[in-house]
Amino acid sequence: MSINLSVVELTLPKNTNIIVGITHFIKTVEDIAEAVVTAVPNVKFGLAFCEASGDRLIRYDGNDDELVKAAIENAQKIAAGHVFVLLIRNAWPINILSEVKKVPEVLSILCATANPVQAIVAETNQGRALLGVVDGFKPLGVEDEAKKKERIEFLRKIGYKRG
């Protein structure tokens, strides 16, 4: 028996965030879709889920054709059982992650980002597994006092902190 590792580049349409996670049941598609629109009613989204048994189809939902298509394409690239790919526009992951995490089928979230994402995929004779993701780029250093002040001011400017 052998294992092959590969890096899969995920595609994010302009002005979107991606959430990638592991789940375990066909009901996931409807439950995540409901969680997303409950958390942010005007959110645009596309969702794809890789079924691991039965018909083994990529199940999908969404209310934006571009995002649905991109979610399906990313799920096809990963092609690992029980992985879901959610693309959102008009909302930030922070707005919906709590609701997505509450979905009973969701086991883990691997990323929630607008950064470039690479998926680390393992393949055996049985199938494929998503081992993790590379979210963005490695750090270039440690923030100094000026960058710390900039971060604090930015969070207040966009309304995520008071004061």
N, C-alpha and C. Protein backbone atom coordinates (compact mmCIF):
# COMPACT_ATOMS: atom_id res chain seq x y z
N MET A 1 0.84 -1.17 0.00
CA MET A 1 0.00 0.00 0.00
C MET A 1 0.90 1.24 0.00
N SER A 2 0.46 2.27 -0.74
CA SER A 2 1.25 3.49 -0.81
C SER A 2 0.33 4.70 -0.63
N ILE A 3 0.98 5.83 -0.43
CA ILE A 3 0.26 7.10 -0.28
C ILE A 3 0.96 8.13 -1.14
N ASN A 4 0.16 8.90 -1.86
CA ASN A 4 0.67 9.99 -2.66
C ASN A 4 0.13 11.30 -2.10
N LEU A 5 1.01 12.27 -1.94
CA LEU A 5 0.61 13.59 -1.47
C LEU A 5 0.61 14.55 -2.64
N SER A 6 -0.36 15.45 -2.64
CA SER A 6 -0.40 16.48 -3.67
C SER A 6 -0.89 17.80 -3.07
N VAL A 7 -0.54 18.86 -3.77
CA VAL A 7 -0.98 20.20 -3.39
C VAL A 7 -1.97 20.65 -4.46
N VAL A 8 -3.15 21.06 -4.01
CA VAL A 8 -4.21 21.48 -4.92
C VAL A 8 -4.48 22.97 -4.69
N GLU A 9 -4.36 23.76 -5.76
CA GLU A 9 -4.65 25.19 -5.67
C GLU A 9 -6.16 25.40 -5.73
N LEU A 10 -6.72 26.05 -4.73
CA LEU A 10 -8.14 26.36 -4.74
C LEU A 10 -8.35 27.73 -5.37
N THR A 11 -9.51 27.92 -5.97
CA THR A 11 -9.81 29.14 -6.71
C THR A 11 -10.88 29.93 -5.98
N LEU A 12 -10.58 31.20 -5.73
CA LEU A 12 -11.55 32.10 -5.11
C LEU A 12 -11.95 33.17 -6.11
N PRO A 13 -13.22 33.24 -6.47
CA PRO A 13 -13.66 34.35 -7.32
C PRO A 13 -13.41 35.68 -6.61
N LYS A 14 -13.39 36.74 -7.35
CA LYS A 14 -13.14 38.08 -6.81
C LYS A 14 -14.12 38.41 -5.67
N ASN A 15 -13.59 39.04 -4.63
CA ASN A 15 -14.39 39.51 -3.49
C ASN A 15 -15.12 38.39 -2.75
N THR A 16 -14.45 37.26 -2.58
CA THR A 16 -15.06 36.16 -1.84
C THR A 16 -14.13 35.68 -0.74
N ASN A 17 -14.73 34.98 0.19
CA ASN A 17 -14.01 34.24 1.22
C ASN A 17 -14.36 32.78 1.04
N ILE A 18 -13.45 31.93 1.46
CA ILE A 18 -13.66 30.49 1.36
C ILE A 18 -13.58 29.88 2.75
N ILE A 19 -14.46 28.94 2.99
CA ILE A 19 -14.43 28.14 4.22
C ILE A 19 -14.37 26.69 3.76
N VAL A 20 -13.38 25.97 4.26
CA VAL A 20 -13.21 24.56 3.92
C VAL A 20 -13.26 23.78 5.22
N GLY A 21 -14.01 22.68 5.20
CA GLY A 21 -14.13 21.89 6.41
C GLY A 21 -14.41 20.44 6.13
N ILE A 22 -14.51 19.69 7.22
CA ILE A 22 -14.81 18.26 7.18
C ILE A 22 -16.17 18.06 7.85
N THR A 23 -16.98 17.23 7.25
CA THR A 23 -18.31 16.94 7.76
C THR A 23 -18.58 15.45 7.58
N HIS A 24 -19.80 14.98 7.79
CA HIS A 24 -19.95 13.53 7.73
C HIS A 24 -21.28 12.99 7.23
N PHE A 25 -22.15 13.80 6.65
CA PHE A 25 -23.46 13.26 6.32
C PHE A 25 -24.08 14.06 5.19
N ILE A 26 -24.83 13.42 4.33
CA ILE A 26 -25.46 14.05 3.16
C ILE A 26 -26.34 15.25 3.54
N LYS A 27 -26.88 15.26 4.72
CA LYS A 27 -27.73 16.33 5.22
C LYS A 27 -26.95 17.65 5.39
N THR A 28 -25.63 17.56 5.36
CA THR A 28 -24.76 18.72 5.52
C THR A 28 -25.12 19.86 4.57
N VAL A 29 -25.39 19.55 3.32
CA VAL A 29 -25.61 20.59 2.31
C VAL A 29 -26.77 21.50 2.73
N GLU A 30 -27.90 20.91 3.04
CA GLU A 30 -29.04 21.73 3.43
C GLU A 30 -28.80 22.45 4.75
N ASP A 31 -28.18 21.77 5.70
CA ASP A 31 -27.98 22.37 7.02
C ASP A 31 -27.00 23.54 6.98
N ILE A 32 -25.91 23.40 6.23
CA ILE A 32 -24.97 24.53 6.13
C ILE A 32 -25.63 25.68 5.37
N ALA A 33 -26.34 25.40 4.30
CA ALA A 33 -27.02 26.46 3.56
C ALA A 33 -27.98 27.22 4.46
N GLU A 34 -28.74 26.52 5.27
CA GLU A 34 -29.67 27.18 6.19
C GLU A 34 -28.91 28.00 7.24
N ALA A 35 -27.81 27.47 7.74
CA ALA A 35 -27.02 28.20 8.73
C ALA A 35 -26.46 29.50 8.15
N VAL A 36 -26.00 29.44 6.91
CA VAL A 36 -25.41 30.62 6.26
C VAL A 36 -26.45 31.72 6.09
N VAL A 37 -27.61 31.40 5.53
CA VAL A 37 -28.61 32.44 5.28
C VAL A 37 -29.29 32.91 6.56
N THR A 38 -29.28 32.08 7.59
CA THR A 38 -29.80 32.51 8.88
C THR A 38 -28.86 33.52 9.52
N ALA A 39 -27.57 33.28 9.41
CA ALA A 39 -26.58 34.17 10.02
C ALA A 39 -26.52 35.51 9.31
N VAL A 40 -26.56 35.51 7.98
CA VAL A 40 -26.48 36.73 7.19
C VAL A 40 -27.48 36.61 6.03
N PRO A 41 -28.68 37.14 6.19
CA PRO A 41 -29.74 36.93 5.19
C PRO A 41 -29.40 37.35 3.76
N ASN A 42 -28.57 38.36 3.55
CA ASN A 42 -28.27 38.82 2.19
C ASN A 42 -26.96 38.26 1.64
N VAL A 43 -26.41 37.26 2.29
CA VAL A 43 -25.14 36.69 1.85
C VAL A 43 -25.33 35.99 0.50
N LYS A 44 -24.32 36.08 -0.34
CA LYS A 44 -24.27 35.30 -1.57
C LYS A 44 -23.33 34.14 -1.30
N PHE A 45 -23.72 32.92 -1.70
CA PHE A 45 -22.88 31.78 -1.38
C PHE A 45 -23.00 30.66 -2.40
N GLY A 46 -21.97 29.85 -2.42
CA GLY A 46 -21.95 28.60 -3.15
C GLY A 46 -21.35 27.55 -2.25
N LEU A 47 -21.93 26.37 -2.24
CA LEU A 47 -21.53 25.31 -1.33
C LEU A 47 -21.44 24.00 -2.09
N ALA A 48 -20.38 23.24 -1.84
CA ALA A 48 -20.24 21.91 -2.43
C ALA A 48 -19.74 20.95 -1.35
N PHE A 49 -20.22 19.70 -1.42
CA PHE A 49 -19.91 18.67 -0.43
C PHE A 49 -19.58 17.38 -1.16
N CYS A 50 -18.44 16.78 -0.83
CA CYS A 50 -18.00 15.53 -1.44
C CYS A 50 -18.54 14.35 -0.65
N GLU A 51 -19.51 13.68 -1.21
CA GLU A 51 -20.12 12.51 -0.59
C GLU A 51 -19.11 11.35 -0.60
N ALA A 52 -18.99 10.61 0.49
CA ALA A 52 -17.96 9.58 0.64
C ALA A 52 -18.46 8.16 0.44
N SER A 53 -19.78 7.97 0.34
CA SER A 53 -20.33 6.63 0.14
C SER A 53 -21.60 6.76 -0.68
N GLY A 54 -22.26 5.64 -0.92
CA GLY A 54 -23.48 5.68 -1.72
C GLY A 54 -23.16 6.11 -3.14
N ASP A 55 -23.86 7.12 -3.63
CA ASP A 55 -23.65 7.60 -5.00
C ASP A 55 -22.31 8.30 -5.18
N ARG A 56 -21.70 8.77 -4.07
CA ARG A 56 -20.41 9.48 -4.08
C ARG A 56 -20.42 10.65 -5.07
N LEU A 57 -21.40 11.48 -4.92
CA LEU A 57 -21.54 12.66 -5.77
C LEU A 57 -21.06 13.90 -5.04
N ILE A 58 -20.82 14.95 -5.79
CA ILE A 58 -20.60 16.26 -5.18
C ILE A 58 -21.98 16.90 -5.11
N ARG A 59 -22.45 17.07 -3.89
CA ARG A 59 -23.75 17.69 -3.63
C ARG A 59 -23.53 19.18 -3.49
N TYR A 60 -24.51 20.01 -3.87
CA TYR A 60 -24.27 21.45 -3.85
C TYR A 60 -25.54 22.24 -3.56
N ASP A 61 -25.33 23.51 -3.21
CA ASP A 61 -26.42 24.44 -2.96
C ASP A 61 -25.83 25.84 -3.10
N GLY A 62 -26.68 26.84 -3.07
CA GLY A 62 -26.21 28.22 -3.12
C GLY A 62 -27.22 29.11 -3.79
N ASN A 63 -26.93 30.40 -3.75
CA ASN A 63 -27.82 31.38 -4.36
C ASN A 63 -27.10 32.31 -5.33
N ASP A 64 -25.87 31.93 -5.70
CA ASP A 64 -25.07 32.71 -6.64
C ASP A 64 -24.39 31.72 -7.60
N ASP A 65 -24.77 31.77 -8.86
CA ASP A 65 -24.27 30.79 -9.83
C ASP A 65 -22.76 30.74 -9.93
N GLU A 66 -22.09 31.90 -9.91
CA GLU A 66 -20.63 31.93 -9.99
C GLU A 66 -20.01 31.23 -8.78
N LEU A 67 -20.54 31.48 -7.60
CA LEU A 67 -19.99 30.89 -6.39
C LEU A 67 -20.30 29.39 -6.30
N VAL A 68 -21.48 28.99 -6.74
CA VAL A 68 -21.82 27.56 -6.76
C VAL A 68 -20.86 26.83 -7.70
N LYS A 69 -20.65 27.38 -8.88
CA LYS A 69 -19.75 26.75 -9.86
C LYS A 69 -18.34 26.64 -9.30
N ALA A 70 -17.85 27.71 -8.68
CA ALA A 70 -16.49 27.70 -8.11
C ALA A 70 -16.39 26.72 -6.94
N ALA A 71 -17.42 26.64 -6.11
CA ALA A 71 -17.39 25.68 -4.99
C ALA A 71 -17.33 24.25 -5.52
N ILE A 72 -18.13 23.96 -6.54
CA ILE A 72 -18.09 22.63 -7.15
C ILE A 72 -16.71 22.34 -7.73
N GLU A 73 -16.15 23.29 -8.46
CA GLU A 73 -14.82 23.08 -9.06
C GLU A 73 -13.76 22.84 -7.99
N ASN A 74 -13.81 23.57 -6.90
CA ASN A 74 -12.84 23.36 -5.81
C ASN A 74 -13.05 21.99 -5.17
N ALA A 75 -14.29 21.59 -4.97
CA ALA A 75 -14.57 20.26 -4.41
C ALA A 75 -14.06 19.17 -5.35
N GLN A 76 -14.21 19.37 -6.65
CA GLN A 76 -13.69 18.40 -7.62
C GLN A 76 -12.17 18.31 -7.56
N LYS A 77 -11.50 19.44 -7.35
CA LYS A 77 -10.03 19.44 -7.24
C LYS A 77 -9.58 18.67 -6.00
N ILE A 78 -10.27 18.89 -4.89
CA ILE A 78 -9.92 18.20 -3.64
C ILE A 78 -10.31 16.72 -3.75
N ALA A 79 -11.53 16.46 -4.17
CA ALA A 79 -12.05 15.10 -4.41
C ALA A 79 -11.80 14.15 -3.25
N ALA A 80 -12.02 14.63 -2.04
CA ALA A 80 -11.84 13.81 -0.84
C ALA A 80 -13.17 13.72 -0.10
N GLY A 81 -13.51 12.53 0.35
CA GLY A 81 -14.78 12.30 1.01
C GLY A 81 -15.01 13.15 2.24
N HIS A 82 -16.24 13.64 2.33
CA HIS A 82 -16.75 14.39 3.47
C HIS A 82 -16.13 15.77 3.64
N VAL A 83 -15.59 16.30 2.57
CA VAL A 83 -15.06 17.67 2.57
C VAL A 83 -16.16 18.60 2.05
N PHE A 84 -16.27 19.79 2.65
CA PHE A 84 -17.16 20.79 2.08
C PHE A 84 -16.38 22.05 1.78
N VAL A 85 -16.82 22.74 0.75
CA VAL A 85 -16.24 24.01 0.32
C VAL A 85 -17.38 25.01 0.26
N LEU A 86 -17.21 26.10 0.99
CA LEU A 86 -18.23 27.16 1.04
C LEU A 86 -17.57 28.46 0.61
N LEU A 87 -18.12 29.10 -0.40
CA LEU A 87 -17.66 30.41 -0.84
C LEU A 87 -18.73 31.43 -0.50
N ILE A 88 -18.32 32.57 0.07
CA ILE A 88 -19.29 33.59 0.48
C ILE A 88 -18.88 34.96 -0.05
N ARG A 89 -19.89 35.77 -0.29
CA ARG A 89 -19.72 37.16 -0.70
C ARG A 89 -20.76 37.98 0.05
N ASN A 90 -20.47 39.22 0.37
CA ASN A 90 -21.36 40.11 1.13
C ASN A 90 -21.43 39.72 2.61
N ALA A 91 -20.42 39.01 3.07
CA ALA A 91 -20.30 38.66 4.49
C ALA A 91 -18.86 38.24 4.72
N TRP A 92 -18.47 38.19 5.98
CA TRP A 92 -17.15 37.73 6.36
C TRP A 92 -17.31 36.40 7.09
N PRO A 93 -16.30 35.55 7.06
CA PRO A 93 -16.40 34.30 7.81
C PRO A 93 -16.79 34.51 9.27
N ILE A 94 -16.28 35.56 9.89
CA ILE A 94 -16.60 35.82 11.29
C ILE A 94 -18.10 35.95 11.51
N ASN A 95 -18.84 36.37 10.46
CA ASN A 95 -20.29 36.54 10.57
C ASN A 95 -21.05 35.23 10.58
N ILE A 96 -20.46 34.16 10.02
CA ILE A 96 -21.21 32.91 9.87
C ILE A 96 -20.56 31.69 10.51
N LEU A 97 -19.30 31.78 10.89
CA LEU A 97 -18.60 30.60 11.39
C LEU A 97 -19.27 29.96 12.61
N SER A 98 -19.75 30.75 13.52
CA SER A 98 -20.40 30.18 14.70
C SER A 98 -21.59 29.32 14.31
N GLU A 99 -22.38 29.80 13.34
CA GLU A 99 -23.55 29.03 12.90
C GLU A 99 -23.12 27.77 12.15
N VAL A 100 -22.10 27.88 11.30
CA VAL A 100 -21.62 26.70 10.57
C VAL A 100 -21.08 25.66 11.55
N LYS A 101 -20.34 26.10 12.55
CA LYS A 101 -19.78 25.17 13.55
C LYS A 101 -20.88 24.47 14.36
N LYS A 102 -22.04 25.10 14.47
CA LYS A 102 -23.15 24.50 15.22
C LYS A 102 -23.87 23.40 14.44
N VAL A 103 -23.62 23.33 13.12
CA VAL A 103 -24.27 22.30 12.31
C VAL A 103 -23.79 20.94 12.83
N PRO A 104 -24.71 20.07 13.25
CA PRO A 104 -24.31 18.82 13.90
C PRO A 104 -23.34 17.95 13.10
N GLU A 105 -23.41 18.01 11.77
CA GLU A 105 -22.56 17.17 10.95
C GLU A 105 -21.13 17.71 10.81
N VAL A 106 -20.91 19.00 11.05
CA VAL A 106 -19.60 19.61 10.84
C VAL A 106 -18.63 19.15 11.91
N LEU A 107 -17.54 18.54 11.47
CA LEU A 107 -16.52 18.03 12.38
C LEU A 107 -15.41 19.04 12.65
N SER A 108 -14.96 19.73 11.58
CA SER A 108 -13.89 20.71 11.76
C SER A 108 -13.88 21.70 10.61
N ILE A 109 -13.30 22.85 10.88
CA ILE A 109 -13.09 23.89 9.88
C ILE A 109 -11.57 23.99 9.69
N LEU A 110 -11.13 23.90 8.45
CA LEU A 110 -9.69 23.96 8.17
C LEU A 110 -9.23 25.36 7.78
N CYS A 111 -10.11 26.15 7.20
CA CYS A 111 -9.76 27.54 6.92
C CYS A 111 -11.01 28.36 6.68
N ALA A 112 -10.87 29.64 6.90
CA ALA A 112 -11.91 30.63 6.61
C ALA A 112 -11.14 31.89 6.24
N THR A 113 -11.05 32.20 4.95
CA THR A 113 -10.09 33.19 4.50
C THR A 113 -10.44 33.77 3.13
N ALA A 114 -9.83 34.89 2.82
CA ALA A 114 -9.84 35.45 1.47
C ALA A 114 -8.46 35.30 0.84
N ASN A 115 -7.52 34.71 1.57
CA ASN A 115 -6.16 34.51 1.08
C ASN A 115 -6.12 33.40 0.03
N PRO A 116 -5.05 33.35 -0.76
CA PRO A 116 -4.85 32.17 -1.61
C PRO A 116 -4.77 30.92 -0.73
N VAL A 117 -5.38 29.83 -1.20
CA VAL A 117 -5.45 28.59 -0.41
C VAL A 117 -4.95 27.42 -1.26
N GLN A 118 -4.11 26.61 -0.63
CA GLN A 118 -3.69 25.34 -1.20
C GLN A 118 -4.17 24.23 -0.27
N ALA A 119 -4.75 23.20 -0.86
CA ALA A 119 -5.19 22.04 -0.09
C ALA A 119 -4.11 20.96 -0.18
N ILE A 120 -3.79 20.34 0.95
CA ILE A 120 -2.85 19.23 0.99
C ILE A 120 -3.68 17.95 0.99
N VAL A 121 -3.56 17.18 -0.08
CA VAL A 121 -4.40 16.01 -0.29
C VAL A 121 -3.54 14.75 -0.31
N ALA A 122 -3.99 13.73 0.39
CA ALA A 122 -3.35 12.40 0.38
C ALA A 122 -4.24 11.46 -0.41
N GLU A 123 -3.61 10.58 -1.19
CA GLU A 123 -4.37 9.60 -1.95
C GLU A 123 -3.82 8.20 -1.70
N THR A 124 -4.73 7.28 -1.40
CA THR A 124 -4.39 5.87 -1.21
C THR A 124 -5.18 5.05 -2.24
N ASN A 125 -5.05 3.75 -2.17
CA ASN A 125 -5.83 2.92 -3.08
C ASN A 125 -7.32 2.99 -2.80
N GLN A 126 -7.72 3.41 -1.60
CA GLN A 126 -9.13 3.52 -1.26
C GLN A 126 -9.74 4.84 -1.71
N GLY A 127 -8.99 5.93 -1.58
CA GLY A 127 -9.55 7.23 -1.91
C GLY A 127 -8.61 8.36 -1.53
N ARG A 128 -9.21 9.52 -1.28
CA ARG A 128 -8.44 10.72 -0.97
C ARG A 128 -8.87 11.30 0.37
N ALA A 129 -7.93 12.01 1.00
CA ALA A 129 -8.21 12.69 2.27
C ALA A 129 -7.63 14.08 2.21
N LEU A 130 -8.35 15.03 2.76
CA LEU A 130 -7.83 16.38 2.90
C LEU A 130 -7.10 16.44 4.23
N LEU A 131 -5.78 16.62 4.18
CA LEU A 131 -4.98 16.64 5.40
C LEU A 131 -4.92 18.01 6.06
N GLY A 132 -5.02 19.04 5.26
CA GLY A 132 -4.94 20.39 5.78
C GLY A 132 -4.89 21.38 4.65
N VAL A 133 -4.69 22.63 4.99
CA VAL A 133 -4.60 23.68 3.98
C VAL A 133 -3.44 24.61 4.29
N VAL A 134 -2.95 25.25 3.24
CA VAL A 134 -2.00 26.36 3.37
C VAL A 134 -2.83 27.62 3.13
N ASP A 135 -2.96 28.43 4.15
CA ASP A 135 -3.80 29.63 4.13
C ASP A 135 -2.89 30.85 4.04
N GLY A 136 -2.77 31.43 2.87
CA GLY A 136 -1.96 32.62 2.69
C GLY A 136 -0.48 32.31 2.65
N PHE A 137 0.30 33.16 3.28
CA PHE A 137 1.75 33.10 3.19
C PHE A 137 2.39 33.09 4.58
N LYS A 138 3.66 32.73 4.67
CA LYS A 138 4.33 32.69 5.97
C LYS A 138 4.64 34.10 6.46
N PRO A 139 4.72 34.29 7.78
CA PRO A 139 4.99 35.61 8.35
C PRO A 139 6.34 36.16 7.91
N LEU A 140 6.41 37.48 7.83
CA LEU A 140 7.65 38.16 7.48
C LEU A 140 8.36 38.74 8.69
N GLY A 141 7.72 38.71 9.86
CA GLY A 141 8.32 39.27 11.06
C GLY A 141 7.29 39.36 12.17
N VAL A 142 7.60 40.17 13.17
CA VAL A 142 6.73 40.40 14.33
C VAL A 142 6.31 41.85 14.31
N GLU A 143 5.04 42.12 14.63
CA GLU A 143 4.57 43.50 14.60
C GLU A 143 5.32 44.36 15.61
N ASP A 144 5.57 45.59 15.20
CA ASP A 144 6.16 46.57 16.12
C ASP A 144 5.02 47.42 16.69
N GLU A 145 5.34 48.40 17.50
CA GLU A 145 4.29 49.21 18.15
C GLU A 145 3.44 49.96 17.12
N ALA A 146 4.05 50.43 16.04
CA ALA A 146 3.29 51.15 15.01
C ALA A 146 2.29 50.21 14.33
N LYS A 147 2.72 48.99 14.01
CA LYS A 147 1.82 48.02 13.37
C LYS A 147 0.73 47.55 14.34
N LYS A 148 1.09 47.46 15.62
CA LYS A 148 0.10 47.09 16.63
C LYS A 148 -0.99 48.16 16.71
N LYS A 149 -0.58 49.43 16.74
CA LYS A 149 -1.52 50.54 16.77
C LYS A 149 -2.40 50.53 15.52
N GLU A 150 -1.78 50.28 14.38
CA GLU A 150 -2.51 50.21 13.11
C GLU A 150 -3.59 49.11 13.15
N ARG A 151 -3.25 47.94 13.70
CA ARG A 151 -4.20 46.83 13.81
C ARG A 151 -5.38 47.22 14.70
N ILE A 152 -5.09 47.81 15.84
CA ILE A 152 -6.12 48.21 16.79
C ILE A 152 -7.05 49.25 16.17
N GLU A 153 -6.49 50.23 15.48
CA GLU A 153 -7.30 51.26 14.84
C GLU A 153 -8.15 50.69 13.71
N PHE A 154 -7.58 49.78 12.94
CA PHE A 154 -8.31 49.16 11.83
C PHE A 154 -9.56 48.43 12.32
N LEU A 155 -9.43 47.65 13.39
CA LEU A 155 -10.57 46.91 13.92
C LEU A 155 -11.68 47.84 14.38
N ARG A 156 -11.34 48.99 14.90
CA ARG A 156 -12.35 49.96 15.31
C ARG A 156 -12.96 50.65 14.09
N LYS A 157 -12.15 50.93 13.09
CA LYS A 157 -12.63 51.58 11.88
C LYS A 157 -13.67 50.73 11.17
N ILE A 158 -13.48 49.42 11.12
CA ILE A 158 -14.43 48.56 10.40
C ILE A 158 -15.55 48.06 11.31
N GLY A 159 -15.57 48.48 12.57
CA GLY A 159 -16.69 48.21 13.46
C GLY A 159 -16.63 46.91 14.24
N TYR A 160 -15.49 46.23 14.27
CA TYR A 160 -15.40 44.98 15.03
C TYR A 160 -14.93 45.17 16.46
N LYS A 161 -14.56 46.36 16.82
CA LYS A 161 -14.24 46.72 18.21
C LYS A 161 -14.82 48.10 18.47
N ARG A 162 -15.24 48.32 19.68
CA ARG A 162 -15.81 49.62 20.05
C ARG A 162 -14.71 50.55 20.51
N GLY A 163 -15.01 51.85 20.44
CA GLY A 163 -14.10 52.82 21.01
C GLY A 163 -13.46 53.61 20.00
